[in-house]
N, C-alpha and C. Protein backbone atom coordinates (compact mmCIF):
# COMPACT_ATOMS: atom_id res chain seq x y z
N MET A 1 83.03 11.82 136.80
CA MET A 1 83.05 10.51 136.19
C MET A 1 82.99 10.61 134.67
N TRP A 2 82.13 11.52 134.14
CA TRP A 2 82.01 11.66 132.70
C TRP A 2 83.34 12.06 132.08
N LYS A 3 84.04 12.99 132.72
CA LYS A 3 85.34 13.43 132.20
C LYS A 3 86.30 12.25 132.10
N LEU A 4 86.28 11.38 133.12
CA LEU A 4 87.15 10.21 133.12
C LEU A 4 86.80 9.28 131.96
N LEU A 5 85.51 9.06 131.74
CA LEU A 5 85.09 8.20 130.62
C LEU A 5 85.50 8.80 129.28
N HIS A 6 85.36 10.13 129.13
CA HIS A 6 85.75 10.77 127.88
C HIS A 6 87.26 10.66 127.65
N LYS A 7 88.04 10.83 128.71
CA LYS A 7 89.49 10.71 128.58
C LYS A 7 89.89 9.27 128.23
N LEU A 8 89.19 8.29 128.80
CA LEU A 8 89.45 6.89 128.47
C LEU A 8 89.14 6.63 127.00
N LYS A 9 88.00 7.13 126.53
CA LYS A 9 87.64 6.97 125.13
C LYS A 9 88.68 7.61 124.23
N ASP A 10 89.12 8.83 124.59
CA ASP A 10 90.12 9.51 123.79
C ASP A 10 91.44 8.75 123.76
N ALA A 11 91.78 8.11 124.87
CA ALA A 11 93.01 7.32 124.92
C ALA A 11 92.93 6.14 123.96
N LEU A 12 91.76 5.58 123.81
CA LEU A 12 91.59 4.44 122.92
C LEU A 12 91.68 4.83 121.45
N ILE A 13 91.30 6.06 121.13
CA ILE A 13 91.35 6.51 119.73
C ILE A 13 92.39 7.63 119.57
N TYR A 14 93.38 7.61 120.41
CA TYR A 14 94.43 8.61 120.45
C TYR A 14 95.30 8.54 119.19
N ASP A 15 95.56 9.68 118.60
CA ASP A 15 96.42 9.75 117.43
C ASP A 15 97.76 10.36 117.86
N ALA A 16 98.70 9.50 118.23
CA ALA A 16 99.98 9.96 118.77
C ALA A 16 100.76 10.80 117.77
N ASP A 17 100.74 10.42 116.51
CA ASP A 17 101.48 11.19 115.51
C ASP A 17 100.95 12.62 115.41
N ARG A 18 99.64 12.75 115.34
CA ARG A 18 99.05 14.09 115.22
C ARG A 18 99.40 14.92 116.45
N GLU A 19 99.26 14.34 117.63
CA GLU A 19 99.59 15.06 118.86
C GLU A 19 101.06 15.45 118.89
N PHE A 20 101.95 14.55 118.49
CA PHE A 20 103.38 14.83 118.47
C PHE A 20 103.69 16.00 117.54
N TYR A 21 103.18 15.92 116.31
CA TYR A 21 103.45 16.98 115.34
C TYR A 21 102.84 18.31 115.78
N ALA A 22 101.69 18.26 116.44
CA ALA A 22 101.07 19.49 116.92
C ALA A 22 101.94 20.17 117.97
N LYS A 23 102.61 19.37 118.81
CA LYS A 23 103.45 19.94 119.85
C LYS A 23 104.81 20.38 119.31
N VAL A 24 105.41 19.57 118.46
CA VAL A 24 106.75 19.88 117.96
C VAL A 24 106.72 20.88 116.82
N PHE A 25 105.76 20.72 115.92
CA PHE A 25 105.60 21.60 114.76
C PHE A 25 104.18 22.17 114.77
N PRO A 26 103.90 23.13 115.63
CA PRO A 26 102.52 23.60 115.81
C PRO A 26 101.82 24.05 114.53
N ASP A 27 102.58 24.56 113.55
CA ASP A 27 101.95 25.02 112.32
C ASP A 27 101.65 23.89 111.34
N SER A 28 102.06 22.67 111.66
CA SER A 28 101.87 21.55 110.73
C SER A 28 100.50 20.89 110.85
N VAL A 29 99.78 21.17 111.92
CA VAL A 29 98.49 20.53 112.14
C VAL A 29 97.44 21.63 112.31
N ASP A 30 96.37 21.53 111.55
CA ASP A 30 95.27 22.48 111.64
C ASP A 30 94.58 22.29 112.99
N SER A 31 94.23 23.40 113.66
CA SER A 31 93.58 23.30 114.97
C SER A 31 92.27 22.53 114.87
N LYS A 32 91.61 22.59 113.72
CA LYS A 32 90.36 21.84 113.52
C LYS A 32 90.61 20.33 113.67
N ASP A 33 91.78 19.87 113.20
CA ASP A 33 92.09 18.45 113.27
C ASP A 33 92.31 17.97 114.69
N LEU A 34 92.64 18.88 115.59
CA LEU A 34 92.86 18.50 116.99
C LEU A 34 91.59 18.58 117.82
N MET A 35 90.53 19.13 117.25
CA MET A 35 89.26 19.22 117.96
C MET A 35 88.56 17.87 117.96
N ARG A 36 87.84 17.60 119.06
CA ARG A 36 87.08 16.36 119.19
C ARG A 36 85.62 16.70 119.46
N ILE A 37 84.74 15.86 118.95
CA ILE A 37 83.32 16.02 119.23
C ILE A 37 82.89 14.84 120.08
N ARG A 38 82.17 15.14 121.15
CA ARG A 38 81.65 14.09 122.02
C ARG A 38 80.26 14.48 122.48
N LYS A 39 79.52 13.51 122.98
CA LYS A 39 78.17 13.79 123.48
C LYS A 39 78.26 14.78 124.65
N MET A 40 77.33 15.69 124.67
CA MET A 40 77.24 16.66 125.75
C MET A 40 76.63 15.98 126.98
N ASP A 41 77.08 16.37 128.16
CA ASP A 41 76.45 15.89 129.39
C ASP A 41 76.16 17.09 130.30
N HIS A 42 75.47 16.83 131.38
CA HIS A 42 75.05 17.92 132.28
C HIS A 42 76.23 18.73 132.81
N ALA A 43 77.38 18.11 132.99
CA ALA A 43 78.56 18.81 133.50
C ALA A 43 79.05 19.87 132.51
N ASP A 44 78.66 19.76 131.25
CA ASP A 44 79.09 20.71 130.22
C ASP A 44 78.24 21.98 130.18
N LEU A 45 77.11 21.98 130.88
CA LEU A 45 76.15 23.08 130.72
C LEU A 45 76.73 24.45 131.10
N THR A 46 77.59 24.53 132.08
CA THR A 46 78.16 25.83 132.45
C THR A 46 78.92 26.43 131.27
N SER A 47 79.76 25.63 130.63
CA SER A 47 80.53 26.11 129.46
C SER A 47 79.61 26.41 128.28
N VAL A 48 78.64 25.55 128.06
CA VAL A 48 77.71 25.73 126.94
C VAL A 48 76.89 27.01 127.12
N LEU A 49 76.42 27.24 128.34
CA LEU A 49 75.62 28.45 128.60
C LEU A 49 76.46 29.72 128.42
N LYS A 50 77.74 29.67 128.75
CA LYS A 50 78.62 30.84 128.53
C LYS A 50 78.74 31.13 127.05
N ILE A 51 78.93 30.09 126.24
CA ILE A 51 79.01 30.28 124.78
C ILE A 51 77.70 30.82 124.25
N GLU A 52 76.59 30.27 124.73
CA GLU A 52 75.27 30.72 124.31
C GLU A 52 75.09 32.22 124.61
N GLU A 53 75.47 32.64 125.78
CA GLU A 53 75.32 34.05 126.16
C GLU A 53 76.26 34.97 125.39
N LEU A 54 77.45 34.48 125.03
CA LEU A 54 78.38 35.29 124.25
C LEU A 54 77.87 35.52 122.82
N ASN A 55 77.11 34.56 122.30
CA ASN A 55 76.72 34.62 120.89
C ASN A 55 75.33 35.19 120.62
N TYR A 56 74.45 35.18 121.60
CA TYR A 56 73.06 35.54 121.31
C TYR A 56 72.52 36.60 122.27
N GLU A 57 71.79 37.55 121.71
CA GLU A 57 71.09 38.53 122.54
C GLU A 57 69.96 37.89 123.31
N PHE A 58 69.38 36.84 122.74
CA PHE A 58 68.27 36.13 123.36
C PHE A 58 68.68 34.65 123.50
N PRO A 59 69.57 34.36 124.45
CA PRO A 59 70.10 32.99 124.57
C PRO A 59 69.07 32.00 125.09
N TRP A 60 69.32 30.73 124.74
CA TRP A 60 68.52 29.65 125.32
C TRP A 60 68.80 29.60 126.82
N SER A 61 67.79 29.22 127.57
CA SER A 61 67.95 29.07 129.02
C SER A 61 68.52 27.69 129.34
N GLU A 62 68.98 27.53 130.56
CA GLU A 62 69.45 26.22 131.02
C GLU A 62 68.32 25.19 130.90
N GLY A 63 67.10 25.63 131.17
CA GLY A 63 65.94 24.72 131.08
C GLY A 63 65.75 24.17 129.67
N ILE A 64 65.99 24.99 128.66
CA ILE A 64 65.85 24.51 127.28
C ILE A 64 66.88 23.42 127.00
N PHE A 65 68.12 23.63 127.44
CA PHE A 65 69.14 22.61 127.24
C PHE A 65 68.78 21.32 127.99
N LYS A 66 68.28 21.46 129.19
CA LYS A 66 67.89 20.27 129.96
C LYS A 66 66.74 19.54 129.28
N ASP A 67 65.82 20.29 128.68
CA ASP A 67 64.73 19.65 127.92
C ASP A 67 65.30 18.86 126.74
N CYS A 68 66.34 19.38 126.10
CA CYS A 68 66.97 18.66 124.99
C CYS A 68 67.56 17.34 125.46
N PHE A 69 68.12 17.31 126.67
CA PHE A 69 68.64 16.06 127.22
C PHE A 69 67.53 15.05 127.45
N ARG A 70 66.36 15.54 127.87
CA ARG A 70 65.25 14.65 128.22
C ARG A 70 64.48 14.12 127.01
N THR A 71 64.53 14.85 125.91
CA THR A 71 63.75 14.48 124.73
C THR A 71 64.54 13.46 123.91
N MET A 72 63.96 12.29 123.69
CA MET A 72 64.67 11.18 123.06
C MET A 72 65.11 11.48 121.62
N THR A 73 64.43 12.36 120.91
CA THR A 73 64.80 12.63 119.52
C THR A 73 65.91 13.67 119.38
N TYR A 74 66.28 14.33 120.48
CA TYR A 74 67.35 15.32 120.45
C TYR A 74 68.67 14.68 120.85
N THR A 75 69.74 15.08 120.16
CA THR A 75 71.08 14.63 120.53
C THR A 75 71.96 15.87 120.57
N CYS A 76 72.75 15.98 121.64
CA CYS A 76 73.56 17.15 121.90
C CYS A 76 75.04 16.75 121.96
N TRP A 77 75.91 17.57 121.36
CA TRP A 77 77.35 17.33 121.38
C TRP A 77 78.08 18.60 121.77
N VAL A 78 79.30 18.42 122.24
CA VAL A 78 80.22 19.55 122.42
C VAL A 78 81.44 19.29 121.56
N CYS A 79 82.10 20.37 121.18
CA CYS A 79 83.36 20.31 120.44
C CYS A 79 84.44 20.80 121.39
N GLU A 80 85.46 19.97 121.58
CA GLU A 80 86.55 20.30 122.49
C GLU A 80 87.83 20.58 121.72
N ALA A 81 88.59 21.55 122.22
CA ALA A 81 89.93 21.82 121.68
C ALA A 81 90.89 20.78 122.26
N ALA A 82 92.13 20.81 121.80
CA ALA A 82 93.14 19.85 122.25
C ALA A 82 93.35 19.90 123.76
N ASP A 83 93.08 21.05 124.38
CA ASP A 83 93.26 21.18 125.84
C ASP A 83 92.01 20.80 126.63
N ASP A 84 91.03 20.17 125.97
CA ASP A 84 89.76 19.72 126.58
C ASP A 84 88.79 20.85 126.88
N SER A 85 89.11 22.08 126.50
CA SER A 85 88.15 23.17 126.71
C SER A 85 87.05 23.07 125.65
N ILE A 86 85.84 23.40 126.05
CA ILE A 86 84.71 23.35 125.13
C ILE A 86 84.70 24.62 124.30
N VAL A 87 84.79 24.46 122.98
CA VAL A 87 84.83 25.61 122.07
C VAL A 87 83.50 25.80 121.34
N GLY A 88 82.61 24.81 121.42
CA GLY A 88 81.33 24.93 120.75
C GLY A 88 80.43 23.77 121.10
N TYR A 89 79.21 23.86 120.60
CA TYR A 89 78.24 22.78 120.82
C TYR A 89 77.26 22.76 119.67
N CYS A 90 76.60 21.63 119.53
CA CYS A 90 75.59 21.49 118.48
C CYS A 90 74.49 20.54 118.95
N ILE A 91 73.29 20.77 118.43
CA ILE A 91 72.12 19.99 118.81
C ILE A 91 71.32 19.67 117.57
N ILE A 92 70.88 18.42 117.48
CA ILE A 92 70.07 17.98 116.34
C ILE A 92 68.85 17.22 116.84
N ASN A 93 67.77 17.33 116.11
CA ASN A 93 66.55 16.59 116.40
C ASN A 93 66.28 15.69 115.19
N VAL A 94 66.14 14.40 115.41
CA VAL A 94 65.86 13.47 114.32
C VAL A 94 64.58 12.71 114.66
N ALA A 95 63.60 12.82 113.74
CA ALA A 95 62.32 12.14 113.93
C ALA A 95 61.62 12.01 112.58
N ALA A 96 60.90 10.94 112.41
CA ALA A 96 60.05 10.72 111.23
C ALA A 96 60.82 10.90 109.92
N GLY A 97 62.05 10.43 109.87
CA GLY A 97 62.82 10.48 108.64
C GLY A 97 63.40 11.83 108.28
N GLU A 98 63.28 12.80 109.21
CA GLU A 98 63.85 14.13 108.98
C GLU A 98 64.75 14.51 110.14
N ALA A 99 65.78 15.25 109.82
CA ALA A 99 66.68 15.78 110.85
C ALA A 99 66.58 17.30 110.81
N HIS A 100 66.67 17.91 111.99
CA HIS A 100 66.59 19.35 112.08
C HIS A 100 67.72 19.83 112.99
N ILE A 101 68.63 20.61 112.43
CA ILE A 101 69.71 21.18 113.24
C ILE A 101 69.11 22.31 114.05
N MET A 102 69.16 22.15 115.36
CA MET A 102 68.55 23.13 116.26
C MET A 102 69.52 24.26 116.60
N ASN A 103 70.81 23.92 116.72
CA ASN A 103 71.77 24.93 117.13
C ASN A 103 73.19 24.45 116.84
N ILE A 104 73.98 25.33 116.32
CA ILE A 104 75.43 25.16 116.23
C ILE A 104 76.01 26.48 116.72
N SER A 105 76.84 26.42 117.74
CA SER A 105 77.37 27.66 118.30
C SER A 105 78.83 27.47 118.69
N VAL A 106 79.66 28.44 118.34
CA VAL A 106 81.10 28.38 118.59
C VAL A 106 81.50 29.60 119.43
N ASN A 107 82.31 29.37 120.45
CA ASN A 107 82.85 30.45 121.24
C ASN A 107 83.48 31.47 120.29
N PRO A 108 83.19 32.77 120.45
CA PRO A 108 83.74 33.78 119.54
C PRO A 108 85.27 33.73 119.41
N LEU A 109 85.98 33.30 120.45
CA LEU A 109 87.44 33.22 120.38
C LEU A 109 87.91 32.13 119.42
N PHE A 110 87.02 31.18 119.08
CA PHE A 110 87.39 30.06 118.22
C PHE A 110 86.67 30.09 116.87
N GLN A 111 85.91 31.15 116.61
CA GLN A 111 85.20 31.22 115.33
C GLN A 111 86.19 31.39 114.19
N ARG A 112 85.82 30.90 113.03
CA ARG A 112 86.62 30.94 111.81
C ARG A 112 87.88 30.07 111.91
N GLN A 113 87.83 29.04 112.77
CA GLN A 113 88.95 28.11 112.90
C GLN A 113 88.54 26.68 112.59
N GLY A 114 87.32 26.49 112.09
CA GLY A 114 86.90 25.17 111.66
C GLY A 114 85.98 24.42 112.60
N ALA A 115 85.73 24.95 113.79
CA ALA A 115 84.87 24.23 114.74
C ALA A 115 83.43 24.13 114.22
N GLY A 116 82.90 25.20 113.68
CA GLY A 116 81.53 25.17 113.14
C GLY A 116 81.40 24.17 112.02
N ARG A 117 82.36 24.18 111.09
CA ARG A 117 82.35 23.23 109.97
C ARG A 117 82.46 21.79 110.49
N LYS A 118 83.34 21.57 111.46
CA LYS A 118 83.53 20.22 112.00
C LYS A 118 82.23 19.71 112.62
N MET A 119 81.54 20.57 113.38
CA MET A 119 80.28 20.15 113.99
C MET A 119 79.20 19.93 112.93
N LEU A 120 79.14 20.81 111.93
CA LEU A 120 78.15 20.63 110.86
C LEU A 120 78.39 19.31 110.14
N GLU A 121 79.63 19.02 109.80
CA GLU A 121 79.94 17.75 109.13
C GLU A 121 79.56 16.56 110.02
N HIS A 122 79.80 16.69 111.31
CA HIS A 122 79.43 15.62 112.25
C HIS A 122 77.91 15.41 112.25
N LEU A 123 77.15 16.49 112.31
CA LEU A 123 75.69 16.38 112.32
C LEU A 123 75.17 15.75 111.03
N ILE A 124 75.75 16.13 109.91
CA ILE A 124 75.32 15.55 108.63
C ILE A 124 75.57 14.06 108.62
N GLU A 125 76.75 13.64 109.06
CA GLU A 125 77.06 12.20 109.08
C GLU A 125 76.18 11.45 110.07
N TYR A 126 75.91 12.06 111.21
CA TYR A 126 75.02 11.44 112.20
C TYR A 126 73.63 11.24 111.60
N ALA A 127 73.13 12.25 110.91
CA ALA A 127 71.77 12.19 110.36
C ALA A 127 71.67 11.30 109.13
N ARG A 128 72.75 11.11 108.42
CA ARG A 128 72.73 10.39 107.13
C ARG A 128 72.06 9.01 107.23
N SER A 129 72.31 8.26 108.27
CA SER A 129 71.72 6.92 108.40
C SER A 129 70.37 6.95 109.12
N ARG A 130 69.90 8.13 109.51
CA ARG A 130 68.69 8.24 110.30
C ARG A 130 67.58 9.05 109.64
N ALA A 131 67.93 9.77 108.56
CA ALA A 131 66.97 10.68 107.95
C ALA A 131 67.23 10.80 106.46
N GLU A 132 66.23 11.27 105.75
CA GLU A 132 66.36 11.49 104.31
C GLU A 132 66.76 12.93 104.00
N LYS A 133 66.36 13.85 104.87
CA LYS A 133 66.67 15.27 104.68
C LYS A 133 67.08 15.86 106.02
N ILE A 134 67.86 16.93 105.91
CA ILE A 134 68.24 17.67 107.11
C ILE A 134 67.89 19.14 106.87
N PHE A 135 67.28 19.76 107.86
CA PHE A 135 66.81 21.14 107.76
C PHE A 135 67.48 22.01 108.83
N LEU A 136 67.47 23.31 108.57
CA LEU A 136 67.92 24.28 109.57
C LEU A 136 67.39 25.65 109.20
N GLU A 137 67.39 26.53 110.20
CA GLU A 137 67.07 27.94 109.99
C GLU A 137 68.27 28.76 110.42
N VAL A 138 68.42 29.91 109.77
CA VAL A 138 69.52 30.82 110.11
C VAL A 138 69.05 32.26 109.93
N ARG A 139 69.58 33.13 110.76
CA ARG A 139 69.26 34.55 110.64
C ARG A 139 69.91 35.13 109.37
N PRO A 140 69.21 35.97 108.63
CA PRO A 140 69.83 36.65 107.48
C PRO A 140 71.02 37.51 107.91
N SER A 141 71.06 37.91 109.18
CA SER A 141 72.14 38.74 109.69
C SER A 141 73.38 37.91 110.08
N ASN A 142 73.40 36.63 109.70
CA ASN A 142 74.54 35.76 110.01
C ASN A 142 75.16 35.23 108.71
N PRO A 143 75.85 36.11 107.95
CA PRO A 143 76.37 35.71 106.64
C PRO A 143 77.42 34.60 106.71
N GLY A 144 78.20 34.54 107.80
CA GLY A 144 79.20 33.48 107.93
C GLY A 144 78.56 32.10 107.96
N ALA A 145 77.49 31.96 108.72
CA ALA A 145 76.78 30.68 108.79
C ALA A 145 76.11 30.36 107.45
N ILE A 146 75.51 31.35 106.84
CA ILE A 146 74.84 31.14 105.54
C ILE A 146 75.86 30.62 104.53
N ASN A 147 77.02 31.22 104.49
CA ASN A 147 78.08 30.80 103.57
C ASN A 147 78.51 29.36 103.87
N LEU A 148 78.68 29.02 105.16
CA LEU A 148 79.06 27.66 105.54
C LEU A 148 78.01 26.65 105.07
N TYR A 149 76.74 26.95 105.28
CA TYR A 149 75.68 26.02 104.88
C TYR A 149 75.65 25.84 103.38
N ARG A 150 75.78 26.92 102.64
CA ARG A 150 75.78 26.82 101.17
C ARG A 150 76.97 26.00 100.68
N LYS A 151 78.15 26.26 101.23
CA LYS A 151 79.34 25.50 100.84
C LYS A 151 79.22 24.02 101.20
N SER A 152 78.39 23.70 102.18
CA SER A 152 78.21 22.32 102.62
C SER A 152 77.10 21.61 101.84
N GLY A 153 76.51 22.30 100.86
CA GLY A 153 75.52 21.67 100.00
C GLY A 153 74.08 21.97 100.35
N PHE A 154 73.82 22.75 101.39
CA PHE A 154 72.44 23.10 101.73
C PHE A 154 71.90 24.07 100.70
N ARG A 155 70.61 23.98 100.47
CA ARG A 155 69.98 24.91 99.55
C ARG A 155 68.84 25.64 100.25
N GLU A 156 68.68 26.90 99.90
CA GLU A 156 67.63 27.73 100.50
C GLU A 156 66.27 27.28 99.99
N ILE A 157 65.32 27.09 100.91
CA ILE A 157 63.99 26.62 100.51
C ILE A 157 62.86 27.56 100.92
N GLY A 158 63.18 28.63 101.63
CA GLY A 158 62.11 29.54 102.01
C GLY A 158 62.51 30.44 103.17
N THR A 159 61.49 31.14 103.67
CA THR A 159 61.68 32.08 104.77
C THR A 159 60.60 31.85 105.82
N ARG A 160 60.99 31.89 107.07
CA ARG A 160 60.03 31.89 108.18
C ARG A 160 59.97 33.33 108.68
N LYS A 161 58.84 33.97 108.47
CA LYS A 161 58.67 35.36 108.86
C LYS A 161 58.66 35.50 110.39
N ASN A 162 59.37 36.53 110.87
CA ASN A 162 59.37 36.88 112.30
C ASN A 162 59.72 35.71 113.21
N TYR A 163 60.67 34.91 112.80
CA TYR A 163 61.00 33.67 113.51
C TYR A 163 61.83 33.91 114.77
N TYR A 164 62.82 34.79 114.68
CA TYR A 164 63.75 35.02 115.79
C TYR A 164 63.41 36.31 116.54
N PRO A 165 63.58 36.30 117.87
CA PRO A 165 63.48 37.58 118.59
C PRO A 165 64.67 38.46 118.22
N ALA A 166 64.44 39.75 118.17
CA ALA A 166 65.50 40.70 117.82
C ALA A 166 65.31 41.97 118.65
N LYS A 167 66.35 42.81 118.68
CA LYS A 167 66.29 44.04 119.46
C LYS A 167 65.06 44.88 119.13
N ASN A 168 64.79 45.00 117.84
CA ASN A 168 63.68 45.85 117.39
C ASN A 168 62.50 45.03 116.91
N GLY A 169 62.14 44.00 117.65
CA GLY A 169 60.98 43.19 117.28
C GLY A 169 61.37 41.76 116.96
N ARG A 170 61.26 41.40 115.68
CA ARG A 170 61.52 40.04 115.24
C ARG A 170 62.36 40.05 113.97
N GLU A 171 63.08 38.94 113.74
CA GLU A 171 63.88 38.79 112.52
C GLU A 171 63.44 37.51 111.82
N ASP A 172 63.39 37.58 110.49
CA ASP A 172 63.05 36.39 109.70
C ASP A 172 64.13 35.33 109.82
N ALA A 173 63.80 34.12 109.40
CA ALA A 173 64.77 33.03 109.31
C ALA A 173 64.80 32.54 107.88
N ILE A 174 66.00 32.28 107.38
CA ILE A 174 66.15 31.64 106.08
C ILE A 174 66.16 30.13 106.34
N MET A 175 65.34 29.41 105.61
CA MET A 175 65.25 27.95 105.77
C MET A 175 66.14 27.27 104.73
N PHE A 176 66.90 26.28 105.19
CA PHE A 176 67.77 25.50 104.31
C PHE A 176 67.45 24.02 104.46
N GLU A 177 67.75 23.25 103.39
CA GLU A 177 67.64 21.80 103.46
C GLU A 177 68.79 21.17 102.71
N LEU A 178 69.10 19.94 103.11
CA LEU A 178 70.11 19.14 102.45
C LEU A 178 69.55 17.74 102.29
N ASP A 179 69.55 17.22 101.06
CA ASP A 179 69.12 15.83 100.82
C ASP A 179 70.23 14.90 101.29
N LEU A 180 69.87 13.93 102.12
CA LEU A 180 70.84 12.98 102.64
C LEU A 180 70.83 11.68 101.86
N VAL A 181 69.78 11.45 101.09
CA VAL A 181 69.69 10.25 100.28
C VAL A 181 70.20 10.59 98.89
N PRO A 182 71.22 9.87 98.41
CA PRO A 182 71.76 10.21 97.09
C PRO A 182 70.71 10.02 95.99
N MET A 183 70.71 10.97 95.07
CA MET A 183 69.79 10.89 93.92
C MET A 183 70.33 9.85 92.94
N LEU A 184 69.44 9.02 92.41
CA LEU A 184 69.85 7.99 91.45
C LEU A 184 69.80 8.51 90.04
C-alpha cells in the first residue's frame, strides 16, 4: 500500500520534461536531479539494512531503526533513484530547538553521485523551520563526509572522544554545527 501511495504522490509532482530528457538524452540530466526523497516506512527496512551493512563495520540493528520510527522526535527518509530503488537514507532528531543528524548513508554503488548532498540539503531545509541549530558527528576516517559538511556551511565545534566503535577499540567523532537562524 505504501508503494502505491508513493507512486501516486510522485505522479502528482511528476516532471515530464525532466523524465523525457533523461530517457532521450541521458547525459543532459544529472542523476541527482532524478532522485526523490520520501519518508521511510517499515517496508524499506530490508533495503536500508543492506545499505547499513555495506557501509559500517558496526551497523545499526533493525531494532534501532524501529525505535527511530517509534520516537516522535525522529524523522526518517529514503532517497530513491529514478527506478524506485533505494540508494540511501537519512535520519534526523529535532527537539528543544535543536536538530541532530543521526545518520546519512548512501549505497556504495551510488556514492559520489549527489545522493548524500541531496539528503543533507533536505535535512537542513526540514530542520530550518523547526530548530535554530543543526548538529552532527562524523568519523575522522570519513574525509568525503567531512568535506561535504564543510562545503554545506557546517563548522567544526569539537571532538567526542572514543565515540564510535572501531576494529581496534574506539574512534573519536568530530562534532559539527550549522546555524539555521540567519545572523542579523
